[in-house]
Amino acid sequence: MKLSEILSEVKAKVLVGEEKIDQLEFEYIAASDLMSEVLAIARPSMVLLTGLTTPQVVRTAEVVGIQAVVIVRKDSVPSETLEMARACGVVLAVTKMTMFEACGRLYNKNLKPVWGA
């Protein structure tokens, strides 16, 4: 699924990396606020949903090759996180939707859960 479609489905606003949203495609979705878990489950073609807004989220995404992060339950993030996303080339978006609703919508659009892969 194209990133632009994913972001539209969860009503997300792109904060960093808008130029990439029509180029990137994803097969998997993962949702976690535990970055140690993200390190263990990450795989190519995965978009991360999280409620955390710290630069560590972007750093973790960069380390494991996640190209896009959607932050749930928010409408803004700290400037340090935005700067980190720009520096790492990670697309960063926010949605006011809950993690539960965002996951459900994306699951219904046939994105696969990481554990079931």
PDB file of N, CA and C in Angstrom:
ATOM      1  N   MET A   1       0.856  -1.180   0.000  1.00  0.00           N
ATOM      2  CA  MET A   1       0.000   0.000   0.000  1.00  0.00           C
ATOM      3  C   MET A   1       0.896   1.235   0.000  1.00  0.00           C
ATOM      4  N   LYS A   2       0.563   2.199  -0.829  1.00  0.00           N
ATOM      5  CA  LYS A   2       1.352   3.431  -0.873  1.00  0.00           C
ATOM      6  C   LYS A   2       1.230   4.186   0.450  1.00  0.00           C
ATOM      7  N   LEU A   3       2.313   4.842   0.821  1.00  0.00           N
ATOM      8  CA  LEU A   3       2.300   5.618   2.057  1.00  0.00           C
ATOM      9  C   LEU A   3       1.230   6.697   2.003  1.00  0.00           C
ATOM     10  N   SER A   4       1.031   7.312   0.868  1.00  0.00           N
ATOM     11  CA  SER A   4       0.006   8.354   0.757  1.00  0.00           C
ATOM     12  C   SER A   4      -1.372   7.795   1.105  1.00  0.00           C
ATOM     13  N   GLU A   5      -1.660   6.549   0.718  1.00  0.00           N
ATOM     14  CA  GLU A   5      -2.941   5.914   1.041  1.00  0.00           C
ATOM     15  C   GLU A   5      -3.043   5.607   2.533  1.00  0.00           C
ATOM     16  N   ILE A   6      -1.942   5.155   3.116  1.00  0.00           N
ATOM     17  CA  ILE A   6      -1.906   4.857   4.551  1.00  0.00           C
ATOM     18  C   ILE A   6      -2.198   6.130   5.342  1.00  0.00           C
ATOM     19  N   LEU A   7      -1.516   7.203   4.987  1.00  0.00           N
ATOM     20  CA  LEU A   7      -1.687   8.464   5.706  1.00  0.00           C
ATOM     21  C   LEU A   7      -3.097   9.013   5.544  1.00  0.00           C
ATOM     22  N   SER A   8      -3.662   8.846   4.375  1.00  0.00           N
ATOM     23  CA  SER A   8      -5.037   9.281   4.145  1.00  0.00           C
ATOM     24  C   SER A   8      -6.012   8.473   5.001  1.00  0.00           C
ATOM     25  N   GLU A   9      -5.792   7.174   5.078  1.00  0.00           N
ATOM     26  CA  GLU A   9      -6.684   6.285   5.836  1.00  0.00           C
ATOM     27  C   GLU A   9      -6.710   6.633   7.320  1.00  0.00           C
ATOM     28  N   VAL A  10      -5.571   7.052   7.877  1.00  0.00           N
ATOM     29  CA  VAL A  10      -5.519   7.379   9.306  1.00  0.00           C
ATOM     30  C   VAL A  10      -5.596   8.891   9.550  1.00  0.00           C
ATOM     31  N   LYS A  11      -5.898   9.624   8.484  1.00  0.00           N
ATOM     32  CA  LYS A  11      -6.062  11.086   8.576  1.00  0.00           C
ATOM     33  C   LYS A  11      -4.834  11.753   9.194  1.00  0.00           C
ATOM     34  N   ALA A  12      -3.667  11.349   8.712  1.00  0.00           N
ATOM     35  CA  ALA A  12      -2.410  11.857   9.259  1.00  0.00           C
ATOM     36  C   ALA A  12      -1.905  13.061   8.472  1.00  0.00           C
ATOM     37  N   LYS A  13      -1.226  13.931   9.188  1.00  0.00           N
ATOM     38  CA  LYS A  13      -0.597  15.108   8.601  1.00  0.00           C
ATOM     39  C   LYS A  13       0.910  14.854   8.557  1.00  0.00           C
ATOM     40  N   VAL A  14       1.512  15.035   7.396  1.00  0.00           N
ATOM     41  CA  VAL A  14       2.949  14.824   7.241  1.00  0.00           C
ATOM     42  C   VAL A  14       3.698  16.028   7.792  1.00  0.00           C
ATOM     43  N   LEU A  15       4.653  15.753   8.666  1.00  0.00           N
ATOM     44  CA  LEU A  15       5.472  16.820   9.240  1.00  0.00           C
ATOM     45  C   LEU A  15       6.842  16.894   8.580  1.00  0.00           C
ATOM     46  N   VAL A  16       7.370  15.741   8.182  1.00  0.00           N
ATOM     47  CA  VAL A  16       8.687  15.659   7.541  1.00  0.00           C
ATOM     48  C   VAL A  16       8.621  14.612   6.431  1.00  0.00           C
ATOM     49  N   GLY A  17       9.175  14.936   5.269  1.00  0.00           N
ATOM     50  CA  GLY A  17       9.313  13.958   4.195  1.00  0.00           C
ATOM     51  C   GLY A  17       8.153  13.866   3.228  1.00  0.00           C
ATOM     52  N   GLU A  18       7.394  14.919   3.085  1.00  0.00           N
ATOM     53  CA  GLU A  18       6.214  14.884   2.213  1.00  0.00           C
ATOM     54  C   GLU A  18       6.564  14.480   0.782  1.00  0.00           C
ATOM     55  N   GLU A  19       7.770  14.807   0.343  1.00  0.00           N
ATOM     56  CA  GLU A  19       8.171  14.487  -1.027  1.00  0.00           C
ATOM     57  C   GLU A  19       8.276  12.979  -1.282  1.00  0.00           C
ATOM     58  N   LYS A  20       8.292  12.170  -0.237  1.00  0.00           N
ATOM     59  CA  LYS A  20       8.439  10.713  -0.379  1.00  0.00           C
ATOM     60  C   LYS A  20       7.129   9.943  -0.333  1.00  0.00           C
ATOM     61  N   ILE A  21       6.028  10.577   0.027  1.00  0.00           N
ATOM     62  CA  ILE A  21       4.823   9.802   0.349  1.00  0.00           C
ATOM     63  C   ILE A  21       4.210   9.073  -0.841  1.00  0.00           C
ATOM     64  N   ASP A  22       4.450   9.537  -2.058  1.00  0.00           N
ATOM     65  CA  ASP A  22       3.926   8.830  -3.223  1.00  0.00           C
ATOM     66  C   ASP A  22       4.902   7.768  -3.741  1.00  0.00           C
ATOM     67  N   GLN A  23       6.111   7.769  -3.231  1.00  0.00           N
ATOM     68  CA  GLN A  23       7.138   6.826  -3.695  1.00  0.00           C
ATOM     69  C   GLN A  23       7.217   5.576  -2.828  1.00  0.00           C
ATOM     70  N   LEU A  24       6.930   5.700  -1.546  1.00  0.00           N
ATOM     71  CA  LEU A  24       7.100   4.580  -0.622  1.00  0.00           C
ATOM     72  C   LEU A  24       5.866   3.693  -0.568  1.00  0.00           C
ATOM     73  N   GLU A  25       6.109   2.384  -0.502  1.00  0.00           N
ATOM     74  CA  GLU A  25       5.031   1.409  -0.346  1.00  0.00           C
ATOM     75  C   GLU A  25       5.362   0.488   0.810  1.00  0.00           C
ATOM     76  N   PHE A  26       4.300   0.038   1.504  1.00  0.00           N
ATOM     77  CA  PHE A  26       4.482  -0.802   2.680  1.00  0.00           C
ATOM     78  C   PHE A  26       3.561  -2.007   2.632  1.00  0.00           C
ATOM     79  N   GLU A  27       4.042  -3.097   3.216  1.00  0.00           N
ATOM     80  CA  GLU A  27       3.282  -4.339   3.289  1.00  0.00           C
ATOM     81  C   GLU A  27       2.863  -4.652   4.726  1.00  0.00           C
ATOM     82  N   TYR A  28       3.636  -4.161   5.692  1.00  0.00           N
ATOM     83  CA  TYR A  28       3.432  -4.486   7.105  1.00  0.00           C
ATOM     84  C   TYR A  28       3.177  -3.241   7.941  1.00  0.00           C
ATOM     85  N   ILE A  29       2.480  -3.463   9.059  1.00  0.00           N
ATOM     86  CA  ILE A  29       2.231  -2.406  10.033  1.00  0.00           C
ATOM     87  C   ILE A  29       2.605  -2.942  11.413  1.00  0.00           C
ATOM     88  N   ALA A  30       3.247  -2.116  12.203  1.00  0.00           N
ATOM     89  CA  ALA A  30       3.545  -2.479  13.588  1.00  0.00           C
ATOM     90  C   ALA A  30       3.182  -1.290  14.468  1.00  0.00           C
ATOM     91  N   ALA A  31       2.720  -1.584  15.664  1.00  0.00           N
ATOM     92  CA  ALA A  31       2.342  -0.534  16.601  1.00  0.00           C
ATOM     93  C   ALA A  31       2.988  -0.828  17.944  1.00  0.00           C
ATOM     94  N   SER A  32       3.781   0.110  18.425  1.00  0.00           N
ATOM     95  CA  SER A  32       4.445  -0.102  19.707  1.00  0.00           C
ATOM     96  C   SER A  32       4.938   1.216  20.268  1.00  0.00           C
ATOM     97  N   ASP A  33       4.926   1.295  21.601  1.00  0.00           N
ATOM     98  CA  ASP A  33       5.554   2.403  22.303  1.00  0.00           C
ATOM     99  C   ASP A  33       6.862   1.946  22.950  1.00  0.00           C
ATOM    100  N   LEU A  34       7.206   0.680  22.764  1.00  0.00           N
ATOM    101  CA  LEU A  34       8.453   0.130  23.304  1.00  0.00           C
ATOM    102  C   LEU A  34       9.481   0.026  22.182  1.00  0.00           C
ATOM    103  N   MET A  35      10.461   0.893  22.198  1.00  0.00           N
ATOM    104  CA  MET A  35      11.446   0.879  21.121  1.00  0.00           C
ATOM    105  C   MET A  35      12.292  -0.391  21.144  1.00  0.00           C
ATOM    106  N   SER A  36      12.457  -1.012  22.311  1.00  0.00           N
ATOM    107  CA  SER A  36      13.172  -2.294  22.363  1.00  0.00           C
ATOM    108  C   SER A  36      12.405  -3.364  21.589  1.00  0.00           C
ATOM    109  N   GLU A  37      11.092  -3.311  21.650  1.00  0.00           N
ATOM    110  CA  GLU A  37      10.267  -4.248  20.882  1.00  0.00           C
ATOM    111  C   GLU A  37      10.401  -3.969  19.385  1.00  0.00           C
ATOM    112  N   VAL A  38      10.408  -2.718  19.012  1.00  0.00           N
ATOM    113  CA  VAL A  38      10.563  -2.345  17.607  1.00  0.00           C
ATOM    114  C   VAL A  38      11.889  -2.877  17.071  1.00  0.00           C
ATOM    115  N   LEU A  39      12.938  -2.785  17.861  1.00  0.00           N
ATOM    116  CA  LEU A  39      14.236  -3.324  17.443  1.00  0.00           C
ATOM    117  C   LEU A  39      14.157  -4.824  17.170  1.00  0.00           C
ATOM    118  N   ALA A  40      13.330  -5.525  17.927  1.00  0.00           N
ATOM    119  CA  ALA A  40      13.217  -6.978  17.788  1.00  0.00           C
ATOM    120  C   ALA A  40      12.316  -7.408  16.639  1.00  0.00           C
ATOM    121  N   ILE A  41      11.307  -6.606  16.289  1.00  0.00           N
ATOM    122  CA  ILE A  41      10.311  -7.065  15.318  1.00  0.00           C
ATOM    123  C   ILE A  41      10.423  -6.405  13.949  1.00  0.00           C
ATOM    124  N   ALA A  42      11.264  -5.418  13.806  1.00  0.00           N
ATOM    125  CA  ALA A  42      11.315  -4.645  12.562  1.00  0.00           C
ATOM    126  C   ALA A  42      11.635  -5.519  11.361  1.00  0.00           C
ATOM    127  N   ARG A  43      11.048  -5.156  10.243  1.00  0.00           N
ATOM    128  CA  ARG A  43      11.309  -5.848   8.981  1.00  0.00           C
ATOM    129  C   ARG A  43      11.170  -4.842   7.848  1.00  0.00           C
ATOM    130  N   PRO A  44      11.722  -5.175   6.688  1.00  0.00           N
ATOM    131  CA  PRO A  44      11.567  -4.266   5.548  1.00  0.00           C
ATOM    132  C   PRO A  44      10.081  -4.085   5.208  1.00  0.00           C
ATOM    133  N   SER A  45       9.758  -2.994   4.623  1.00  0.00           N
ATOM    134  CA  SER A  45       8.400  -2.698   4.175  1.00  0.00           C
ATOM    135  C   SER A  45       7.412  -2.579   5.333  1.00  0.00           C
ATOM    136  N   MET A  46       7.879  -1.993   6.449  1.00  0.00           N
ATOM    137  CA  MET A  46       7.043  -1.835   7.639  1.00  0.00           C
ATOM    138  C   MET A  46       6.925  -0.362   7.993  1.00  0.00           C
ATOM    139  N   VAL A  47       5.709   0.059   8.312  1.00  0.00           N
ATOM    140  CA  VAL A  47       5.479   1.400   8.838  1.00  0.00           C
ATOM    141  C   VAL A  47       5.196   1.248  10.335  1.00  0.00           C
ATOM    142  N   LEU A  48       5.706   2.164  11.128  1.00  0.00           N
ATOM    143  CA  LEU A  48       5.558   2.103  12.579  1.00  0.00           C
ATOM    144  C   LEU A  48       4.528   3.113  13.055  1.00  0.00           C
ATOM    145  N   LEU A  49       3.613   2.640  13.894  1.00  0.00           N
ATOM    146  CA  LEU A  49       2.687   3.514  14.609  1.00  0.00           C
ATOM    147  C   LEU A  49       3.138   3.545  16.062  1.00  0.00           C
ATOM    148  N   THR A  50       3.220   4.731  16.638  1.00  0.00           N
ATOM    149  CA  THR A  50       3.622   4.866  18.035  1.00  0.00           C
ATOM    150  C   THR A  50       3.001   6.120  18.627  1.00  0.00           C
ATOM    151  N   GLY A  51       2.913   6.142  19.930  1.00  0.00           N
ATOM    152  CA  GLY A  51       2.428   7.325  20.631  1.00  0.00           C
ATOM    153  C   GLY A  51       3.567   8.187  21.153  1.00  0.00           C
ATOM    154  N   LEU A  52       4.794   7.721  20.988  1.00  0.00           N
ATOM    155  CA  LEU A  52       5.957   8.457  21.487  1.00  0.00           C
ATOM    156  C   LEU A  52       6.385   9.542  20.517  1.00  0.00           C
ATOM    157  N   THR A  53       6.871  10.643  21.053  1.00  0.00           N
ATOM    158  CA  THR A  53       7.282  11.770  20.209  1.00  0.00           C
ATOM    159  C   THR A  53       8.744  12.152  20.384  1.00  0.00           C
ATOM    160  N   THR A  54       9.519  11.327  21.027  1.00  0.00           N
ATOM    161  CA  THR A  54      10.918  11.659  21.291  1.00  0.00           C
ATOM    162  C   THR A  54      11.803  11.373  20.073  1.00  0.00           C
ATOM    163  N   PRO A  55      12.955  12.030  19.985  1.00  0.00           N
ATOM    164  CA  PRO A  55      13.886  11.745  18.895  1.00  0.00           C
ATOM    165  C   PRO A  55      14.318  10.270  18.858  1.00  0.00           C
ATOM    166  N   GLN A  56      14.249   9.584  19.987  1.00  0.00           N
ATOM    167  CA  GLN A  56      14.639   8.173  20.045  1.00  0.00           C
ATOM    168  C   GLN A  56      13.785   7.317  19.103  1.00  0.00           C
ATOM    169  N   VAL A  57      12.540   7.695  18.893  1.00  0.00           N
ATOM    170  CA  VAL A  57      11.669   6.960  17.967  1.00  0.00           C
ATOM    171  C   VAL A  57      12.263   7.000  16.561  1.00  0.00           C
ATOM    172  N   VAL A  58      12.688   8.169  16.144  1.00  0.00           N
ATOM    173  CA  VAL A  58      13.278   8.320  14.813  1.00  0.00           C
ATOM    174  C   VAL A  58      14.613   7.597  14.739  1.00  0.00           C
ATOM    175  N   ARG A  59      15.404   7.698  15.768  1.00  0.00           N
ATOM    176  CA  ARG A  59      16.700   7.013  15.793  1.00  0.00           C
ATOM    177  C   ARG A  59      16.499   5.496  15.683  1.00  0.00           C
ATOM    178  N   THR A  60      15.534   4.971  16.404  1.00  0.00           N
ATOM    179  CA  THR A  60      15.236   3.535  16.331  1.00  0.00           C
ATOM    180  C   THR A  60      14.802   3.163  14.917  1.00  0.00           C
ATOM    181  N   ALA A  61      13.931   3.964  14.325  1.00  0.00           N
ATOM    182  CA  ALA A  61      13.477   3.713  12.953  1.00  0.00           C
ATOM    183  C   ALA A  61      14.667   3.682  11.997  1.00  0.00           C
ATOM    184  N   GLU A  62      15.562   4.617  12.146  1.00  0.00           N
ATOM    185  CA  GLU A  62      16.740   4.666  11.272  1.00  0.00           C
ATOM    186  C   GLU A  62      17.597   3.412  11.436  1.00  0.00           C
ATOM    187  N   VAL A  63      17.822   2.998  12.661  1.00  0.00           N
ATOM    188  CA  VAL A  63      18.685   1.840  12.935  1.00  0.00           C
ATOM    189  C   VAL A  63      18.162   0.569  12.273  1.00  0.00           C
ATOM    190  N   VAL A  64      16.840   0.384  12.278  1.00  0.00           N
ATOM    191  CA  VAL A  64      16.265  -0.859  11.742  1.00  0.00           C
ATOM    192  C   VAL A  64      15.703  -0.709  10.329  1.00  0.00           C
ATOM    193  N   GLY A  65      15.841   0.458   9.738  1.00  0.00           N
ATOM    194  CA  GLY A  65      15.430   0.649   8.357  1.00  0.00           C
ATOM    195  C   GLY A  65      13.960   0.960   8.138  1.00  0.00           C
ATOM    196  N   ILE A  66      13.285   1.454   9.159  1.00  0.00           N
ATOM    197  CA  ILE A  66      11.889   1.873   9.002  1.00  0.00           C
ATOM    198  C   ILE A  66      11.899   3.241   8.336  1.00  0.00           C
ATOM    199  N   GLN A  67      11.171   3.364   7.225  1.00  0.00           N
ATOM    200  CA  GLN A  67      11.198   4.600   6.451  1.00  0.00           C
ATOM    201  C   GLN A  67      10.095   5.582   6.808  1.00  0.00           C
ATOM    202  N   ALA A  68       9.092   5.121   7.574  1.00  0.00           N
ATOM    203  CA  ALA A  68       7.985   6.022   7.920  1.00  0.00           C
ATOM    204  C   ALA A  68       7.444   5.710   9.304  1.00  0.00           C
ATOM    205  N   VAL A  69       7.170   6.754  10.056  1.00  0.00           N
ATOM    206  CA  VAL A  69       6.618   6.651  11.404  1.00  0.00           C
ATOM    207  C   VAL A  69       5.379   7.544  11.481  1.00  0.00           C
ATOM    208  N   VAL A  70       4.300   6.972  12.003  1.00  0.00           N
ATOM    209  CA  VAL A  70       3.082   7.747  12.239  1.00  0.00           C
ATOM    210  C   VAL A  70       2.872   7.807  13.745  1.00  0.00           C
ATOM    211  N   ILE A  71       2.824   9.004  14.275  1.00  0.00           N
ATOM    212  CA  ILE A  71       2.622   9.210  15.699  1.00  0.00           C
ATOM    213  C   ILE A  71       1.130   9.417  15.940  1.00  0.00           C
ATOM    214  N   VAL A  72       0.563   8.589  16.801  1.00  0.00           N
ATOM    215  CA  VAL A  72      -0.876   8.619  17.077  1.00  0.00           C
ATOM    216  C   VAL A  72      -1.189   9.484  18.296  1.00  0.00           C
ATOM    217  N   ARG A  73      -2.440   9.881  18.401  1.00  0.00           N
ATOM    218  CA  ARG A  73      -2.969  10.652  19.532  1.00  0.00           C
ATOM    219  C   ARG A  73      -2.315  12.033  19.697  1.00  0.00           C
ATOM    220  N   LYS A  74      -1.768  12.574  18.613  1.00  0.00           N
ATOM    221  CA  LYS A  74      -1.072  13.863  18.718  1.00  0.00           C
ATOM    222  C   LYS A  74      -1.421  14.743  17.521  1.00  0.00           C
ATOM    223  N   ASP A  75      -1.052  16.013  17.641  1.00  0.00           N
ATOM    224  CA  ASP A  75      -1.132  16.887  16.481  1.00  0.00           C
ATOM    225  C   ASP A  75       0.175  17.644  16.254  1.00  0.00           C
ATOM    226  N   SER A  76       1.137  17.441  17.153  1.00  0.00           N
ATOM    227  CA  SER A  76       2.455  18.051  16.974  1.00  0.00           C
ATOM    228  C   SER A  76       3.502  17.213  17.705  1.00  0.00           C
ATOM    229  N   VAL A  77       4.758  17.473  17.379  1.00  0.00           N
ATOM    230  CA  VAL A  77       5.876  16.785  18.044  1.00  0.00           C
ATOM    231  C   VAL A  77       6.974  17.815  18.320  1.00  0.00           C
ATOM    232  N   PRO A  78       7.885  17.503  19.228  1.00  0.00           N
ATOM    233  CA  PRO A  78       8.961  18.447  19.542  1.00  0.00           C
ATOM    234  C   PRO A  78       9.863  18.714  18.330  1.00  0.00           C
ATOM    235  N   SER A  79      10.412  19.900  18.279  1.00  0.00           N
ATOM    236  CA  SER A  79      11.281  20.281  17.162  1.00  0.00           C
ATOM    237  C   SER A  79      12.501  19.373  17.043  1.00  0.00           C
ATOM    238  N   GLU A  80      13.008  18.849  18.169  1.00  0.00           N
ATOM    239  CA  GLU A  80      14.166  17.947  18.115  1.00  0.00           C
ATOM    240  C   GLU A  80      13.835  16.676  17.331  1.00  0.00           C
ATOM    241  N   THR A  81      12.604  16.209  17.465  1.00  0.00           N
ATOM    242  CA  THR A  81      12.172  15.010  16.757  1.00  0.00           C
ATOM    243  C   THR A  81      12.049  15.296  15.265  1.00  0.00           C
ATOM    244  N   LEU A  82      11.535  16.448  14.920  1.00  0.00           N
ATOM    245  CA  LEU A  82      11.437  16.845  13.516  1.00  0.00           C
ATOM    246  C   LEU A  82      12.820  16.952  12.886  1.00  0.00           C
ATOM    247  N   GLU A  83      13.748  17.561  13.605  1.00  0.00           N
ATOM    248  CA  GLU A  83      15.116  17.703  13.109  1.00  0.00           C
ATOM    249  C   GLU A  83      15.763  16.344  12.897  1.00  0.00           C
ATOM    250  N   MET A  84      15.548  15.424  13.818  1.00  0.00           N
ATOM    251  CA  MET A  84      16.107  14.080  13.705  1.00  0.00           C
ATOM    252  C   MET A  84      15.529  13.370  12.479  1.00  0.00           C
ATOM    253  N   ALA A  85      14.228  13.508  12.259  1.00  0.00           N
ATOM    254  CA  ALA A  85      13.582  12.875  11.101  1.00  0.00           C
ATOM    255  C   ALA A  85      14.168  13.420   9.802  1.00  0.00           C
ATOM    256  N   ARG A  86      14.357  14.717   9.722  1.00  0.00           N
ATOM    257  CA  ARG A  86      14.966  15.314   8.527  1.00  0.00           C
ATOM    258  C   ARG A  86      16.374  14.774   8.313  1.00  0.00           C
ATOM    259  N   ALA A  87      17.158  14.742   9.380  1.00  0.00           N
ATOM    260  CA  ALA A  87      18.543  14.277   9.285  1.00  0.00           C
ATOM    261  C   ALA A  87      18.631  12.803   8.887  1.00  0.00           C
ATOM    262  N   CYS A  88      17.678  11.999   9.327  1.00  0.00           N
ATOM    263  CA  CYS A  88      17.710  10.552   9.068  1.00  0.00           C
ATOM    264  C   CYS A  88      16.942  10.153   7.807  1.00  0.00           C
ATOM    265  N   GLY A  89      16.208  11.079   7.227  1.00  0.00           N
ATOM    266  CA  GLY A  89      15.432  10.768   6.034  1.00  0.00           C
ATOM    267  C   GLY A  89      14.208   9.915   6.303  1.00  0.00           C
ATOM    268  N   VAL A  90      13.664  10.013   7.524  1.00  0.00           N
ATOM    269  CA  VAL A  90      12.470   9.256   7.912  1.00  0.00           C
ATOM    270  C   VAL A  90      11.241  10.140   7.739  1.00  0.00           C
ATOM    271  N   VAL A  91      10.223   9.605   7.073  1.00  0.00           N
ATOM    272  CA  VAL A  91       8.956  10.335   6.954  1.00  0.00           C
ATOM    273  C   VAL A  91       8.281  10.305   8.321  1.00  0.00           C
ATOM    274  N   LEU A  92       7.829  11.453   8.776  1.00  0.00           N
ATOM    275  CA  LEU A  92       7.192  11.568  10.084  1.00  0.00           C
ATOM    276  C   LEU A  92       5.831  12.232   9.914  1.00  0.00           C
ATOM    277  N   ALA A  93       4.803  11.570  10.433  1.00  0.00           N
ATOM    278  CA  ALA A  93       3.445  12.096  10.331  1.00  0.00           C
ATOM    279  C   ALA A  93       2.749  11.951  11.672  1.00  0.00           C
ATOM    280  N   VAL A  94       1.682  12.728  11.874  1.00  0.00           N
ATOM    281  CA  VAL A  94       0.896  12.658  13.111  1.00  0.00           C
ATOM    282  C   VAL A  94      -0.580  12.527  12.783  1.00  0.00           C
ATOM    283  N   THR A  95      -1.286  11.857  13.688  1.00  0.00           N
ATOM    284  CA  THR A  95      -2.731  11.752  13.587  1.00  0.00           C
ATOM    285  C   THR A  95      -3.314  11.867  14.989  1.00  0.00           C
ATOM    286  N   LYS A  96      -4.501  12.425  15.073  1.00  0.00           N
ATOM    287  CA  LYS A  96      -5.184  12.494  16.363  1.00  0.00           C
ATOM    288  C   LYS A  96      -5.909  11.193  16.678  1.00  0.00           C
ATOM    289  N   MET A  97      -5.933  10.283  15.707  1.00  0.00           N
ATOM    290  CA  MET A  97      -6.591   8.991  15.877  1.00  0.00           C
ATOM    291  C   MET A  97      -5.874   8.174  16.961  1.00  0.00           C
ATOM    292  N   THR A  98      -6.619   7.331  17.673  1.00  0.00           N
ATOM    293  CA  THR A  98      -5.992   6.444  18.649  1.00  0.00           C
ATOM    294  C   THR A  98      -5.217   5.340  17.922  1.00  0.00           C
ATOM    295  N   MET A  99      -4.306   4.703  18.618  1.00  0.00           N
ATOM    296  CA  MET A  99      -3.551   3.609  18.025  1.00  0.00           C
ATOM    297  C   MET A  99      -4.488   2.467  17.636  1.00  0.00           C
ATOM    298  N   PHE A 100      -5.472   2.194  18.490  1.00  0.00           N
ATOM    299  CA  PHE A 100      -6.426   1.122  18.230  1.00  0.00           C
ATOM    300  C   PHE A 100      -7.159   1.361  16.912  1.00  0.00           C
ATOM    301  N   GLU A 101      -7.691   2.558  16.746  1.00  0.00           N
ATOM    302  CA  GLU A 101      -8.444   2.851  15.527  1.00  0.00           C
ATOM    303  C   GLU A 101      -7.537   2.840  14.300  1.00  0.00           C
ATOM    304  N   ALA A 102      -6.357   3.442  14.402  1.00  0.00           N
ATOM    305  CA  ALA A 102      -5.435   3.471  13.264  1.00  0.00           C
ATOM    306  C   ALA A 102      -5.039   2.055  12.841  1.00  0.00           C
ATOM    307  N   CYS A 103      -4.734   1.213  13.804  1.00  0.00           N
ATOM    308  CA  CYS A 103      -4.372  -0.181  13.487  1.00  0.00           C
ATOM    309  C   CYS A 103      -5.543  -0.905  12.826  1.00  0.00           C
ATOM    310  N   GLY A 104      -6.722  -0.735  13.360  1.00  0.00           N
ATOM    311  CA  GLY A 104      -7.896  -1.390  12.798  1.00  0.00           C
ATOM    312  C   GLY A 104      -8.159  -0.972  11.367  1.00  0.00           C
ATOM    313  N   ARG A 105      -8.061   0.308  11.094  1.00  0.00           N
ATOM    314  CA  ARG A 105      -8.288   0.811   9.741  1.00  0.00           C
ATOM    315  C   ARG A 105      -7.253   0.237   8.770  1.00  0.00           C
ATOM    316  N   LEU A 106      -6.002   0.199   9.194  1.00  0.00           N
ATOM    317  CA  LEU A 106      -4.953  -0.300   8.307  1.00  0.00           C
ATOM    318  C   LEU A 106      -5.014  -1.811   8.140  1.00  0.00           C
ATOM    319  N   TYR A 107      -5.407  -2.512   9.174  1.00  0.00           N
ATOM    320  CA  TYR A 107      -5.603  -3.965   9.061  1.00  0.00           C
ATOM    321  C   TYR A 107      -6.720  -4.256   8.063  1.00  0.00           C
ATOM    322  N   ASN A 108      -7.779  -3.485   8.112  1.00  0.00           N
ATOM    323  CA  ASN A 108      -8.891  -3.657   7.172  1.00  0.00           C
ATOM    324  C   ASN A 108      -8.499  -3.326   5.736  1.00  0.00           C
ATOM    325  N   LYS A 109      -7.412  -2.616   5.554  1.00  0.00           N
ATOM    326  CA  LYS A 109      -6.898  -2.304   4.213  1.00  0.00           C
ATOM    327  C   LYS A 109      -5.842  -3.321   3.768  1.00  0.00           C
ATOM    328  N   ASN A 110      -5.750  -4.417   4.518  1.00  0.00           N
ATOM    329  CA  ASN A 110      -4.884  -5.551   4.174  1.00  0.00           C
ATOM    330  C   ASN A 110      -3.395  -5.351   4.414  1.00  0.00           C
ATOM    331  N   LEU A 111      -3.038  -4.375   5.256  1.00  0.00           N
ATOM    332  CA  LEU A 111      -1.649  -4.338   5.704  1.00  0.00           C
ATOM    333  C   LEU A 111      -1.492  -5.488   6.688  1.00  0.00           C
ATOM    334  N   LYS A 112      -0.369  -6.162   6.630  1.00  0.00           N
ATOM    335  CA  LYS A 112      -0.158  -7.350   7.442  1.00  0.00           C
ATOM    336  C   LYS A 112       0.471  -6.990   8.795  1.00  0.00           C
ATOM    337  N   PRO A 113       0.065  -7.705   9.844  1.00  0.00           N
ATOM    338  CA  PRO A 113       0.753  -7.508  11.126  1.00  0.00           C
ATOM    339  C   PRO A 113       2.126  -8.173  11.063  1.00  0.00           C
ATOM    340  N   VAL A 114       3.078  -7.627  11.747  1.00  0.00           N
ATOM    341  CA  VAL A 114       4.449  -8.161  11.726  1.00  0.00           C
ATOM    342  C   VAL A 114       4.493  -9.574  12.299  1.00  0.00           C
ATOM    343  N   TRP A 115       3.796  -9.823  13.386  1.00  0.00           N
ATOM    344  CA  TRP A 115       3.870 -11.144  14.022  1.00  0.00           C
ATOM    345  C   TRP A 115       3.283 -12.237  13.151  1.00  0.00           C
ATOM    346  N   GLY A 116       2.315 -11.908  12.341  1.00  0.00           N
ATOM    347  CA  GLY A 116       1.677 -12.909  11.500  1.00  0.00           C
ATOM    348  C   GLY A 116       2.398 -13.135  10.184  1.00  0.00           C
ATOM    349  N   ALA A 117       3.525 -12.459   9.991  1.00  0.00           N
ATOM    350  CA  ALA A 117       4.215 -12.539   8.703  1.00  0.00           C
ATOM    351  C   ALA A 117       5.052 -13.803   8.585  1.00  0.00           C
TER     352      ALA A 117
END
